[in-house]
Amino acid sequence: MKIFIYFFLVILSVTDITANAGDSLYQADFVVSADGSGNFKTLSEAIVAVPDFCDRETVVFLEEGIYQEKVNIPSSKKNLRIIGRPGGQTVITWHDSARLPGKTGVRIGTPGTATIINAADSFVAENITIENSSEPAVGQAVALLCMGDRQRYINCHIKGNHDTLFLYGIGNLKEDELCSRNKCYLFVNCLIEGTTDFIFGSATAYFKECTILSKKNSYITAASTCKGQQYGFIFDSCSLIAAKNVDHVFLGRPWRIHAQTVFFNCFLGTHICPEGWSDWKKAIVQSGTAFYAEYNNKGPGAGTGKRVVWSRQLTSEEIEKYKLKAVWGEE
């Protein structure tokens, strides 16, 4: 069944279905609705129906609802766009954590906890909440695991606690193993929340006008950027905020020795500690290979006078290479 996705407010508005879509109209190939009014009741069922290795885009529309399921999007499902209703509550949620035993009795580990495991290239998600609902005390519990290349998330809410967003890319290589280019992800106008290391991994990821919510005194990022990789994590014009009573949060700490993270044109709340960054393991910082930098940030947490000596403040010329067009290739 094919339908056109329309929304009637006062008049027909095509642009309500997606951010930055101009006047385009998406034709839904499949509709998912928990009440049975669509093609499928679960997103997992719709993913199975999506053609493999399709050269044209396949569009799946999710009606409002809470979908309690663990979703695996394999690499064969390239050129897939999943759209929720703008302003609605389209939630995909599950509750696995790293200490739980798998089918063989062995703990599932951090990657296995993800509510959505996404290995598809050229993927787009819009207007969707992706949640790992595990309690904070259980440890690592991923909401979204990104493994494909050039995935975009627009107007999404990525919600969890410890290790919310795993930007896996090609994974962690050996410390001396070169990688000229990792996989790349783009997040636009998203809300990402968590407690410890809740944005982490080896991939290149660009966050444009996102809100980053810290729910605990801990660390926002834990990059494991590969050796030779041009970019790690870049936060452009984002707003860093905190839950009540959270007042000492680090921008990041290096998971691996070549970690890269840059914040520029961002608002940093009072919860960002004066040092800015944590060394995690002193040997990593002493090696001189980690790169942590800022430019033109604002807000009470943006003061640079007490930043750790191994972090950098970039110049107006240096920041040009970290802008969206330079990293992603298009705006």
C-alpha atoms as a PDB file:
ATOM      1  CA  MET A   1       0.000   0.000   0.000  1.00  0.00           C
ATOM      2  CA  LYS A   2       1.306   3.443  -0.936  1.00  0.00           C
ATOM      3  CA  ILE A   3      -0.091   6.610   0.572  1.00  0.00           C
ATOM      4  CA  PHE A   4       0.921  10.231   0.451  1.00  0.00           C
ATOM      5  CA  ILE A   5       1.738  11.751   3.813  1.00  0.00           C
ATOM      6  CA  TYR A   6      -0.456  14.808   4.338  1.00  0.00           C
ATOM      7  CA  PHE A   7      -1.143  16.885   7.413  1.00  0.00           C
ATOM      8  CA  PHE A   8      -4.144  19.188   7.627  1.00  0.00           C
ATOM      9  CA  LEU A   9      -3.808  22.028  10.088  1.00  0.00           C
ATOM     10  CA  VAL A  10      -5.596  25.088   8.778  1.00  0.00           C
ATOM     11  CA  ILE A  11      -4.408  24.357   5.258  1.00  0.00           C
ATOM     12  CA  LEU A  12      -2.514  21.506   3.728  1.00  0.00           C
ATOM     13  CA  SER A  13       1.142  21.782   4.732  1.00  0.00           C
ATOM     14  CA  VAL A  14       3.660  19.497   3.106  1.00  0.00           C
ATOM     15  CA  THR A  15       6.586  20.878   5.087  1.00  0.00           C
ATOM     16  CA  ASP A  16       5.071  19.678   8.378  1.00  0.00           C
ATOM     17  CA  ILE A  17       6.363  16.183   7.714  1.00  0.00           C
ATOM     18  CA  THR A  18      10.064  16.959   7.711  1.00  0.00           C
ATOM     19  CA  ALA A  19      12.588  19.575   8.626  1.00  0.00           C
ATOM     20  CA  ASN A  20      14.457  21.320   5.831  1.00  0.00           C
ATOM     21  CA  ALA A  21      12.453  19.592   3.127  1.00  0.00           C
ATOM     22  CA  GLY A  22      11.278  22.699   1.333  1.00  0.00           C
ATOM     23  CA  ASP A  23       8.184  21.979  -0.736  1.00  0.00           C
ATOM     24  CA  SER A  24       8.933  18.309  -1.342  1.00  0.00           C
ATOM     25  CA  LEU A  25       6.328  15.636  -0.676  1.00  0.00           C
ATOM     26  CA  TYR A  26       7.301  12.239   0.646  1.00  0.00           C
ATOM     27  CA  GLN A  27       5.384   9.242  -0.562  1.00  0.00           C
ATOM     28  CA  ALA A  28       5.157   6.609   2.152  1.00  0.00           C
ATOM     29  CA  ASP A  29       5.903   3.089   0.987  1.00  0.00           C
ATOM     30  CA  PHE A  30       4.875   1.628   4.343  1.00  0.00           C
ATOM     31  CA  VAL A  31       2.888   2.913   7.304  1.00  0.00           C
ATOM     32  CA  VAL A  32       3.417   1.594  10.827  1.00  0.00           C
ATOM     33  CA  SER A  33       0.634   2.026  13.357  1.00  0.00           C
ATOM     34  CA  ALA A  34       0.302   0.241  16.683  1.00  0.00           C
ATOM     35  CA  ASP A  35      -3.487   0.127  16.328  1.00  0.00           C
ATOM     36  CA  GLY A  36      -3.315  -1.922  13.133  1.00  0.00           C
ATOM     37  CA  SER A  37      -4.525   0.814  10.782  1.00  0.00           C
ATOM     38  CA  GLY A  38      -1.283   0.789   8.774  1.00  0.00           C
ATOM     39  CA  ASN A  39       0.656  -1.860   6.891  1.00  0.00           C
ATOM     40  CA  PHE A  40       2.389  -3.072  10.051  1.00  0.00           C
ATOM     41  CA  LYS A  41       2.057  -2.813  13.819  1.00  0.00           C
ATOM     42  CA  THR A  42       5.812  -2.658  14.517  1.00  0.00           C
ATOM     43  CA  LEU A  43       8.789  -0.949  12.934  1.00  0.00           C
ATOM     44  CA  SER A  44      10.668  -4.260  12.881  1.00  0.00           C
ATOM     45  CA  GLU A  45       8.021  -5.764  10.598  1.00  0.00           C
ATOM     46  CA  ALA A  46       8.308  -2.800   8.243  1.00  0.00           C
ATOM     47  CA  ILE A  47      12.111  -3.083   8.118  1.00  0.00           C
ATOM     48  CA  VAL A  48      11.818  -6.685   6.917  1.00  0.00           C
ATOM     49  CA  ALA A  49       9.539  -5.509   4.091  1.00  0.00           C
ATOM     50  CA  VAL A  50      11.922  -2.759   2.923  1.00  0.00           C
ATOM     51  CA  PRO A  51      13.649  -3.843  -0.326  1.00  0.00           C
ATOM     52  CA  ASP A  52      17.292  -4.816   0.020  1.00  0.00           C
ATOM     53  CA  PHE A  53      20.021  -2.716  -1.623  1.00  0.00           C
ATOM     54  CA  CYS A  54      17.462  -0.391  -3.192  1.00  0.00           C
ATOM     55  CA  ASP A  55      18.827   2.524  -5.237  1.00  0.00           C
ATOM     56  CA  ARG A  56      15.770   4.674  -4.600  1.00  0.00           C
ATOM     57  CA  GLU A  57      14.665   5.922  -1.214  1.00  0.00           C
ATOM     58  CA  THR A  58      12.141   3.847   0.743  1.00  0.00           C
ATOM     59  CA  VAL A  59       9.935   5.837   3.130  1.00  0.00           C
ATOM     60  CA  VAL A  60       8.404   4.377   6.291  1.00  0.00           C
ATOM     61  CA  PHE A  61       5.948   6.540   8.227  1.00  0.00           C
ATOM     62  CA  LEU A  62       5.401   5.867  11.938  1.00  0.00           C
ATOM     63  CA  GLU A  63       2.120   6.964  13.423  1.00  0.00           C
ATOM     64  CA  GLU A  64       2.159   8.329  16.954  1.00  0.00           C
ATOM     65  CA  GLY A  65       2.544   5.719  19.658  1.00  0.00           C
ATOM     66  CA  ILE A  66       4.967   3.936  21.941  1.00  0.00           C
ATOM     67  CA  TYR A  67       6.613   1.028  20.133  1.00  0.00           C
ATOM     68  CA  GLN A  68       8.205  -1.315  22.647  1.00  0.00           C
ATOM     69  CA  GLU A  69      10.651  -3.205  20.476  1.00  0.00           C
ATOM     70  CA  LYS A  70      14.313  -3.738  19.756  1.00  0.00           C
ATOM     71  CA  VAL A  71      14.987  -2.796  16.127  1.00  0.00           C
ATOM     72  CA  ASN A  72      17.773  -4.056  13.871  1.00  0.00           C
ATOM     73  CA  ILE A  73      18.287  -2.202  10.586  1.00  0.00           C
ATOM     74  CA  PRO A  74      20.757  -4.277   8.523  1.00  0.00           C
ATOM     75  CA  SER A  75      23.211  -2.896   5.979  1.00  0.00           C
ATOM     76  CA  SER A  76      21.027  -4.193   3.130  1.00  0.00           C
ATOM     77  CA  LYS A  77      18.346  -1.567   3.923  1.00  0.00           C
ATOM     78  CA  LYS A  78      20.181   1.398   2.410  1.00  0.00           C
ATOM     79  CA  ASN A  79      18.402   4.601   1.307  1.00  0.00           C
ATOM     80  CA  LEU A  80      15.784   4.280   4.031  1.00  0.00           C
ATOM     81  CA  ARG A  81      13.889   7.224   5.534  1.00  0.00           C
ATOM     82  CA  ILE A  82      11.798   6.777   8.701  1.00  0.00           C
ATOM     83  CA  ILE A  83       9.456   9.644   9.565  1.00  0.00           C
ATOM     84  CA  GLY A  84       7.371  10.262  12.659  1.00  0.00           C
ATOM     85  CA  ARG A  85       4.570  12.788  12.919  1.00  0.00           C
ATOM     86  CA  PRO A  86       5.937  16.307  13.600  1.00  0.00           C
ATOM     87  CA  GLY A  87       5.169  17.468  17.111  1.00  0.00           C
ATOM     88  CA  GLY A  88       3.852  14.050  18.012  1.00  0.00           C
ATOM     89  CA  GLN A  89       4.989  11.299  20.331  1.00  0.00           C
ATOM     90  CA  THR A  90       6.537   8.564  18.235  1.00  0.00           C
ATOM     91  CA  VAL A  91       8.683   6.568  20.655  1.00  0.00           C
ATOM     92  CA  ILE A  92      10.752   3.443  20.055  1.00  0.00           C
ATOM     93  CA  THR A  93      11.845   2.071  23.411  1.00  0.00           C
ATOM     94  CA  TRP A  94      13.561  -0.958  24.928  1.00  0.00           C
ATOM     95  CA  HIS A  95      15.416  -1.697  28.166  1.00  0.00           C
ATOM     96  CA  ASP A  96      18.514  -3.887  27.644  1.00  0.00           C
ATOM     97  CA  SER A  97      21.691  -3.257  29.651  1.00  0.00           C
ATOM     98  CA  ALA A  98      25.229  -4.601  29.279  1.00  0.00           C
ATOM     99  CA  ARG A  99      25.160  -7.007  32.215  1.00  0.00           C
ATOM    100  CA  LEU A 100      22.147  -8.945  30.993  1.00  0.00           C
ATOM    101  CA  PRO A 101      22.838 -12.484  29.737  1.00  0.00           C
ATOM    102  CA  GLY A 102      22.306 -13.238  26.063  1.00  0.00           C
ATOM    103  CA  LYS A 103      20.975 -16.457  24.523  1.00  0.00           C
ATOM    104  CA  THR A 104      24.238 -18.267  25.273  1.00  0.00           C
ATOM    105  CA  GLY A 105      24.355 -17.041  28.857  1.00  0.00           C
ATOM    106  CA  VAL A 106      27.188 -14.592  28.141  1.00  0.00           C
ATOM    107  CA  ARG A 107      26.548 -10.934  28.912  1.00  0.00           C
ATOM    108  CA  ILE A 108      25.308  -9.043  25.864  1.00  0.00           C
ATOM    109  CA  GLY A 109      27.847  -6.230  26.295  1.00  0.00           C
ATOM    110  CA  THR A 110      27.451  -2.576  25.396  1.00  0.00           C
ATOM    111  CA  PRO A 111      26.691  -2.857  21.636  1.00  0.00           C
ATOM    112  CA  GLY A 112      24.077  -5.511  22.296  1.00  0.00           C
ATOM    113  CA  THR A 113      22.050  -3.193  24.511  1.00  0.00           C
ATOM    114  CA  ALA A 114      21.001  -0.800  21.729  1.00  0.00           C
ATOM    115  CA  THR A 115      17.301  -0.177  21.213  1.00  0.00           C
ATOM    116  CA  ILE A 116      18.080   0.513  17.543  1.00  0.00           C
ATOM    117  CA  ILE A 117      21.102  -1.023  15.825  1.00  0.00           C
ATOM    118  CA  ASN A 118      21.457   0.773  12.502  1.00  0.00           C
ATOM    119  CA  ALA A 119      23.916  -0.564   9.915  1.00  0.00           C
ATOM    120  CA  ALA A 120      22.250   1.040   6.878  1.00  0.00           C
ATOM    121  CA  ASP A 121      24.008   3.609   4.675  1.00  0.00           C
ATOM    122  CA  SER A 122      22.271   6.798   3.486  1.00  0.00           C
ATOM    123  CA  PHE A 123      19.663   6.632   6.240  1.00  0.00           C
ATOM    124  CA  VAL A 124      17.404   9.423   7.530  1.00  0.00           C
ATOM    125  CA  ALA A 125      15.250   9.513  10.686  1.00  0.00           C
ATOM    126  CA  GLU A 126      12.938  12.419  11.487  1.00  0.00           C
ATOM    127  CA  ASN A 127      10.646  13.288  14.389  1.00  0.00           C
ATOM    128  CA  ILE A 128      11.331  10.103  16.374  1.00  0.00           C
ATOM    129  CA  THR A 129      12.260   9.381  19.997  1.00  0.00           C
ATOM    130  CA  ILE A 130      14.735   6.519  20.442  1.00  0.00           C
ATOM    131  CA  GLU A 131      14.968   5.437  24.060  1.00  0.00           C
ATOM    132  CA  ASN A 132      16.747   2.968  26.288  1.00  0.00           C
ATOM    133  CA  SER A 133      14.545   2.972  29.376  1.00  0.00           C
ATOM    134  CA  SER A 134      16.971   1.090  31.660  1.00  0.00           C
ATOM    135  CA  GLU A 135      17.511   2.600  35.090  1.00  0.00           C
ATOM    136  CA  PRO A 136      20.763   4.567  35.582  1.00  0.00           C
ATOM    137  CA  ALA A 137      22.151   2.072  38.093  1.00  0.00           C
ATOM    138  CA  VAL A 138      22.381  -0.800  35.580  1.00  0.00           C
ATOM    139  CA  GLY A 139      25.347   0.698  33.713  1.00  0.00           C
ATOM    140  CA  GLN A 140      25.854   0.831  29.955  1.00  0.00           C
ATOM    141  CA  ALA A 141      22.559   0.905  28.072  1.00  0.00           C
ATOM    142  CA  VAL A 142      22.611   2.233  24.502  1.00  0.00           C
ATOM    143  CA  ALA A 143      19.592   3.821  22.822  1.00  0.00           C
ATOM    144  CA  LEU A 144      21.062   4.181  19.309  1.00  0.00           C
ATOM    145  CA  LEU A 145      24.018   2.319  17.784  1.00  0.00           C
ATOM    146  CA  CYS A 146      25.167   3.851  14.465  1.00  0.00           C
ATOM    147  CA  MET A 147      27.154   1.522  12.199  1.00  0.00           C
ATOM    148  CA  GLY A 148      26.219   2.515   8.638  1.00  0.00           C
ATOM    149  CA  ASP A 149      27.613   5.526   6.772  1.00  0.00           C
ATOM    150  CA  ARG A 150      26.094   8.978   6.164  1.00  0.00           C
ATOM    151  CA  GLN A 151      23.154   8.631   8.497  1.00  0.00           C
ATOM    152  CA  ARG A 152      21.095  11.726   9.360  1.00  0.00           C
ATOM    153  CA  TYR A 153      18.865  12.288  12.376  1.00  0.00           C
ATOM    154  CA  ILE A 154      16.607  15.351  12.262  1.00  0.00           C
ATOM    155  CA  ASN A 155      14.325  16.568  15.071  1.00  0.00           C
ATOM    156  CA  CYS A 156      14.934  13.357  17.004  1.00  0.00           C
ATOM    157  CA  HIS A 157      15.112  12.717  20.749  1.00  0.00           C
ATOM    158  CA  ILE A 158      17.777  10.205  21.756  1.00  0.00           C
ATOM    159  CA  LYS A 159      17.162   9.289  25.355  1.00  0.00           C
ATOM    160  CA  GLY A 160      19.064   7.175  27.856  1.00  0.00           C
ATOM    161  CA  ASN A 161      21.527   7.293  30.720  1.00  0.00           C
ATOM    162  CA  HIS A 162      24.983   5.686  30.543  1.00  0.00           C
ATOM    163  CA  ASP A 163      26.223   5.386  26.908  1.00  0.00           C
ATOM    164  CA  THR A 164      23.085   6.715  25.202  1.00  0.00           C
ATOM    165  CA  LEU A 165      24.484   7.291  21.698  1.00  0.00           C
ATOM    166  CA  PHE A 166      27.119   4.875  20.354  1.00  0.00           C
ATOM    167  CA  LEU A 167      28.757   6.290  17.223  1.00  0.00           C
ATOM    168  CA  TYR A 168      30.385   3.007  16.361  1.00  0.00           C
ATOM    169  CA  GLY A 169      31.403   3.645  12.753  1.00  0.00           C
ATOM    170  CA  ILE A 170      34.074   1.108  11.895  1.00  0.00           C
ATOM    171  CA  GLY A 171      34.680   0.375  15.561  1.00  0.00           C
ATOM    172  CA  ASN A 172      37.844   0.713  17.608  1.00  0.00           C
ATOM    173  CA  LEU A 173      40.979  -0.137  15.668  1.00  0.00           C
ATOM    174  CA  LYS A 174      44.332  -0.881  17.246  1.00  0.00           C
ATOM    175  CA  GLU A 175      45.999   2.246  18.606  1.00  0.00           C
ATOM    176  CA  ASP A 176      48.575   2.376  15.771  1.00  0.00           C
ATOM    177  CA  GLU A 177      46.204   1.279  12.983  1.00  0.00           C
ATOM    178  CA  LEU A 178      45.515   4.046  10.468  1.00  0.00           C
ATOM    179  CA  CYS A 179      42.058   5.112   9.316  1.00  0.00           C
ATOM    180  CA  SER A 180      41.928   7.996   6.846  1.00  0.00           C
ATOM    181  CA  ARG A 181      38.132   8.151   6.919  1.00  0.00           C
ATOM    182  CA  ASN A 182      35.589   6.723   9.326  1.00  0.00           C
ATOM    183  CA  LYS A 183      31.826   6.642   8.879  1.00  0.00           C
ATOM    184  CA  CYS A 184      29.980   9.930   9.296  1.00  0.00           C
ATOM    185  CA  TYR A 185      26.754  10.931  11.073  1.00  0.00           C
ATOM    186  CA  LEU A 186      24.767  14.159  11.178  1.00  0.00           C
ATOM    187  CA  PHE A 187      22.378  15.240  13.942  1.00  0.00           C
ATOM    188  CA  VAL A 188      20.270  18.358  13.392  1.00  0.00           C
ATOM    189  CA  ASN A 189      17.981  19.933  15.992  1.00  0.00           C
ATOM    190  CA  CYS A 190      18.045  16.804  18.155  1.00  0.00           C
ATOM    191  CA  LEU A 191      17.742  16.419  21.924  1.00  0.00           C
ATOM    192  CA  ILE A 192      20.318  13.978  23.285  1.00  0.00           C
ATOM    193  CA  GLU A 193      20.284  13.130  26.975  1.00  0.00           C
ATOM    194  CA  GLY A 194      22.239  10.910  29.309  1.00  0.00           C
ATOM    195  CA  THR A 195      24.504  10.591  32.320  1.00  0.00           C
ATOM    196  CA  THR A 196      28.015   9.252  31.639  1.00  0.00           C
ATOM    197  CA  ASP A 197      29.894   9.182  28.298  1.00  0.00           C
ATOM    198  CA  PHE A 198      26.511   9.428  26.641  1.00  0.00           C
ATOM    199  CA  ILE A 199      27.951  10.412  23.252  1.00  0.00           C
ATOM    200  CA  PHE A 200      30.805   8.054  22.441  1.00  0.00           C
ATOM    201  CA  GLY A 201      32.589   6.056  19.752  1.00  0.00           C
ATOM    202  CA  SER A 202      35.131   6.265  16.938  1.00  0.00           C
ATOM    203  CA  ALA A 203      33.063   7.715  14.086  1.00  0.00           C
ATOM    204  CA  THR A 204      32.887  11.254  12.752  1.00  0.00           C
ATOM    205  CA  ALA A 205      29.713  12.926  14.043  1.00  0.00           C
ATOM    206  CA  TYR A 206      28.432  16.446  13.488  1.00  0.00           C
ATOM    207  CA  PHE A 207      25.855  17.956  15.855  1.00  0.00           C
ATOM    208  CA  LYS A 208      24.126  21.060  14.480  1.00  0.00           C
ATOM    209  CA  GLU A 209      21.845  23.118  16.744  1.00  0.00           C
ATOM    210  CA  CYS A 210      21.238  20.198  19.097  1.00  0.00           C
ATOM    211  CA  THR A 211      20.374  20.278  22.797  1.00  0.00           C
ATOM    212  CA  ILE A 212      22.660  18.178  24.997  1.00  0.00           C
ATOM    213  CA  LEU A 213      21.112  17.363  28.383  1.00  0.00           C
ATOM    214  CA  SER A 214      23.327  16.090  31.213  1.00  0.00           C
ATOM    215  CA  LYS A 215      21.435  14.231  33.944  1.00  0.00           C
ATOM    216  CA  LYS A 216      24.391  13.540  36.249  1.00  0.00           C
ATOM    217  CA  ASN A 217      27.722  15.051  37.277  1.00  0.00           C
ATOM    218  CA  SER A 218      29.883  13.166  34.822  1.00  0.00           C
ATOM    219  CA  TYR A 219      31.118  13.352  31.213  1.00  0.00           C
ATOM    220  CA  ILE A 220      29.298  14.205  27.978  1.00  0.00           C
ATOM    221  CA  THR A 221      31.602  12.724  25.327  1.00  0.00           C
ATOM    222  CA  ALA A 222      34.055   9.840  25.143  1.00  0.00           C
ATOM    223  CA  ALA A 223      35.588   9.849  21.675  1.00  0.00           C
ATOM    224  CA  SER A 224      37.752   6.989  20.437  1.00  0.00           C
ATOM    225  CA  THR A 225      38.761   8.623  17.154  1.00  0.00           C
ATOM    226  CA  CYS A 226      41.042   6.466  15.019  1.00  0.00           C
ATOM    227  CA  LYS A 227      44.620   7.394  14.150  1.00  0.00           C
ATOM    228  CA  GLY A 228      44.823   9.451  10.960  1.00  0.00           C
ATOM    229  CA  GLN A 229      41.118  10.302  11.010  1.00  0.00           C
ATOM    230  CA  GLN A 230      40.456  13.939  10.126  1.00  0.00           C
ATOM    231  CA  TYR A 231      37.439  14.480  12.376  1.00  0.00           C
ATOM    232  CA  GLY A 232      35.938  13.130  15.581  1.00  0.00           C
ATOM    233  CA  PHE A 233      32.926  14.786  17.267  1.00  0.00           C
ATOM    234  CA  ILE A 234      31.930  18.335  16.319  1.00  0.00           C
ATOM    235  CA  PHE A 235      29.268  20.375  18.126  1.00  0.00           C
ATOM    236  CA  ASP A 236      28.144  23.454  16.200  1.00  0.00           C
ATOM    237  CA  SER A 237      25.711  25.969  17.729  1.00  0.00           C
ATOM    238  CA  CYS A 238      24.452  23.485  20.317  1.00  0.00           C
ATOM    239  CA  SER A 239      22.950  24.200  23.735  1.00  0.00           C
ATOM    240  CA  LEU A 240      24.393  22.315  26.723  1.00  0.00           C
ATOM    241  CA  ILE A 241      21.928  22.156  29.607  1.00  0.00           C
ATOM    242  CA  ALA A 242      21.542  20.087  32.777  1.00  0.00           C
ATOM    243  CA  ALA A 243      18.962  18.515  35.029  1.00  0.00           C
ATOM    244  CA  LYS A 244      18.304  19.942  38.478  1.00  0.00           C
ATOM    245  CA  ASN A 245      21.252  19.684  40.922  1.00  0.00           C
ATOM    246  CA  VAL A 246      23.724  18.778  38.165  1.00  0.00           C
ATOM    247  CA  ASP A 247      26.608  21.246  38.497  1.00  0.00           C
ATOM    248  CA  HIS A 248      29.929  19.620  37.525  1.00  0.00           C
ATOM    249  CA  VAL A 249      30.064  18.111  34.044  1.00  0.00           C
ATOM    250  CA  PHE A 250      33.056  17.701  31.727  1.00  0.00           C
ATOM    251  CA  LEU A 251      32.726  18.306  27.990  1.00  0.00           C
ATOM    252  CA  GLY A 252      34.535  15.047  27.395  1.00  0.00           C
ATOM    253  CA  ARG A 253      37.326  12.625  28.126  1.00  0.00           C
ATOM    254  CA  PRO A 254      39.470  10.620  25.684  1.00  0.00           C
ATOM    255  CA  TRP A 255      38.449   6.979  25.389  1.00  0.00           C
ATOM    256  CA  ARG A 256      41.385   6.323  23.047  1.00  0.00           C
ATOM    257  CA  ILE A 257      44.638   8.217  22.496  1.00  0.00           C
ATOM    258  CA  HIS A 258      43.623   9.940  19.230  1.00  0.00           C
ATOM    259  CA  ALA A 259      40.289  11.253  20.529  1.00  0.00           C
ATOM    260  CA  GLN A 260      38.995  14.439  18.862  1.00  0.00           C
ATOM    261  CA  THR A 261      36.158  16.671  20.060  1.00  0.00           C
ATOM    262  CA  VAL A 262      35.367  20.293  19.161  1.00  0.00           C
ATOM    263  CA  PHE A 263      32.658  22.624  20.509  1.00  0.00           C
ATOM    264  CA  PHE A 264      32.061  25.938  18.751  1.00  0.00           C
ATOM    265  CA  ASN A 265      29.391  28.643  18.805  1.00  0.00           C
ATOM    266  CA  CYS A 266      27.703  26.661  21.600  1.00  0.00           C
ATOM    267  CA  PHE A 267      25.929  27.741  24.775  1.00  0.00           C
ATOM    268  CA  LEU A 268      27.541  26.129  27.837  1.00  0.00           C
ATOM    269  CA  GLY A 269      25.462  26.157  31.015  1.00  0.00           C
ATOM    270  CA  THR A 270      26.643  26.599  34.600  1.00  0.00           C
ATOM    271  CA  HIS A 271      27.097  22.843  34.941  1.00  0.00           C
ATOM    272  CA  ILE A 272      30.180  22.793  32.701  1.00  0.00           C
ATOM    273  CA  CYS A 273      33.192  22.698  35.011  1.00  0.00           C
ATOM    274  CA  PRO A 274      35.956  25.325  34.634  1.00  0.00           C
ATOM    275  CA  GLU A 275      38.536  22.752  33.509  1.00  0.00           C
ATOM    276  CA  GLY A 276      36.313  21.810  30.585  1.00  0.00           C
ATOM    277  CA  TRP A 277      37.896  18.438  29.903  1.00  0.00           C
ATOM    278  CA  SER A 278      39.022  15.363  31.861  1.00  0.00           C
ATOM    279  CA  ASP A 279      42.193  13.409  31.108  1.00  0.00           C
ATOM    280  CA  TRP A 280      40.653   9.998  32.069  1.00  0.00           C
ATOM    281  CA  LYS A 281      44.043   8.301  31.777  1.00  0.00           C
ATOM    282  CA  LYS A 282      47.011  10.653  32.160  1.00  0.00           C
ATOM    283  CA  ALA A 283      49.036   8.650  29.636  1.00  0.00           C
ATOM    284  CA  ILE A 284      46.565   9.589  26.904  1.00  0.00           C
ATOM    285  CA  VAL A 285      46.957  13.300  27.513  1.00  0.00           C
ATOM    286  CA  GLN A 286      50.709  13.055  27.995  1.00  0.00           C
ATOM    287  CA  SER A 287      51.011  11.372  24.603  1.00  0.00           C
ATOM    288  CA  GLY A 288      49.891  14.625  22.978  1.00  0.00           C
ATOM    289  CA  THR A 289      47.688  12.830  20.459  1.00  0.00           C
ATOM    290  CA  ALA A 290      44.235  13.749  21.793  1.00  0.00           C
ATOM    291  CA  PHE A 291      42.659  16.926  20.382  1.00  0.00           C
ATOM    292  CA  TYR A 292      40.111  18.866  22.446  1.00  0.00           C
ATOM    293  CA  ALA A 293      39.186  22.342  21.276  1.00  0.00           C
ATOM    294  CA  GLU A 294      36.658  25.172  21.513  1.00  0.00           C
ATOM    295  CA  TYR A 295      35.803  28.354  19.669  1.00  0.00           C
ATOM    296  CA  ASN A 296      33.454  31.240  20.425  1.00  0.00           C
ATOM    297  CA  ASN A 297      31.312  29.449  22.990  1.00  0.00           C
ATOM    298  CA  LYS A 298      28.956  31.485  25.183  1.00  0.00           C
ATOM    299  CA  GLY A 299      27.267  31.089  28.542  1.00  0.00           C
ATOM    300  CA  PRO A 300      28.407  30.718  32.150  1.00  0.00           C
ATOM    301  CA  GLY A 301      30.331  27.517  31.440  1.00  0.00           C
ATOM    302  CA  ALA A 302      32.266  28.916  28.487  1.00  0.00           C
ATOM    303  CA  GLY A 303      35.035  30.706  30.373  1.00  0.00           C
ATOM    304  CA  THR A 304      38.468  29.627  29.158  1.00  0.00           C
ATOM    305  CA  GLY A 305      40.664  30.968  31.964  1.00  0.00           C
ATOM    306  CA  LYS A 306      40.802  27.677  33.891  1.00  0.00           C
ATOM    307  CA  ARG A 307      40.665  25.201  31.005  1.00  0.00           C
ATOM    308  CA  VAL A 308      43.138  22.308  31.138  1.00  0.00           C
ATOM    309  CA  VAL A 309      46.443  23.277  29.524  1.00  0.00           C
ATOM    310  CA  TRP A 310      46.261  20.515  26.919  1.00  0.00           C
ATOM    311  CA  SER A 311      43.004  21.782  25.403  1.00  0.00           C
ATOM    312  CA  ARG A 312      42.932  24.386  22.637  1.00  0.00           C
ATOM    313  CA  GLN A 313      41.091  27.577  21.749  1.00  0.00           C
ATOM    314  CA  LEU A 314      40.823  27.757  17.970  1.00  0.00           C
ATOM    315  CA  THR A 315      41.157  30.847  15.783  1.00  0.00           C
ATOM    316  CA  SER A 316      38.593  32.123  13.273  1.00  0.00           C
ATOM    317  CA  GLU A 317      40.716  30.651  10.489  1.00  0.00           C
ATOM    318  CA  GLU A 318      41.160  27.268  12.169  1.00  0.00           C
ATOM    319  CA  ILE A 319      37.442  26.809  12.812  1.00  0.00           C
ATOM    320  CA  GLU A 320      36.619  26.907   9.088  1.00  0.00           C
ATOM    321  CA  LYS A 321      37.680  23.273   8.637  1.00  0.00           C
ATOM    322  CA  TYR A 322      35.141  22.204  11.289  1.00  0.00           C
ATOM    323  CA  LYS A 323      32.073  23.761   9.687  1.00  0.00           C
ATOM    324  CA  LEU A 324      29.328  21.570   8.284  1.00  0.00           C
ATOM    325  CA  LYS A 325      30.144  21.929   4.596  1.00  0.00           C
ATOM    326  CA  ALA A 326      33.792  21.004   5.175  1.00  0.00           C
ATOM    327  CA  VAL A 327      32.933  17.933   7.244  1.00  0.00           C
ATOM    328  CA  TRP A 328      29.736  16.606   5.649  1.00  0.00           C
ATOM    329  CA  GLY A 329      30.239  17.933   2.143  1.00  0.00           C
ATOM    330  CA  GLU A 330      26.893  19.709   1.903  1.00  0.00           C
ATOM    331  CA  GLU A 331      24.625  21.925   3.996  1.00  0.00           C
END
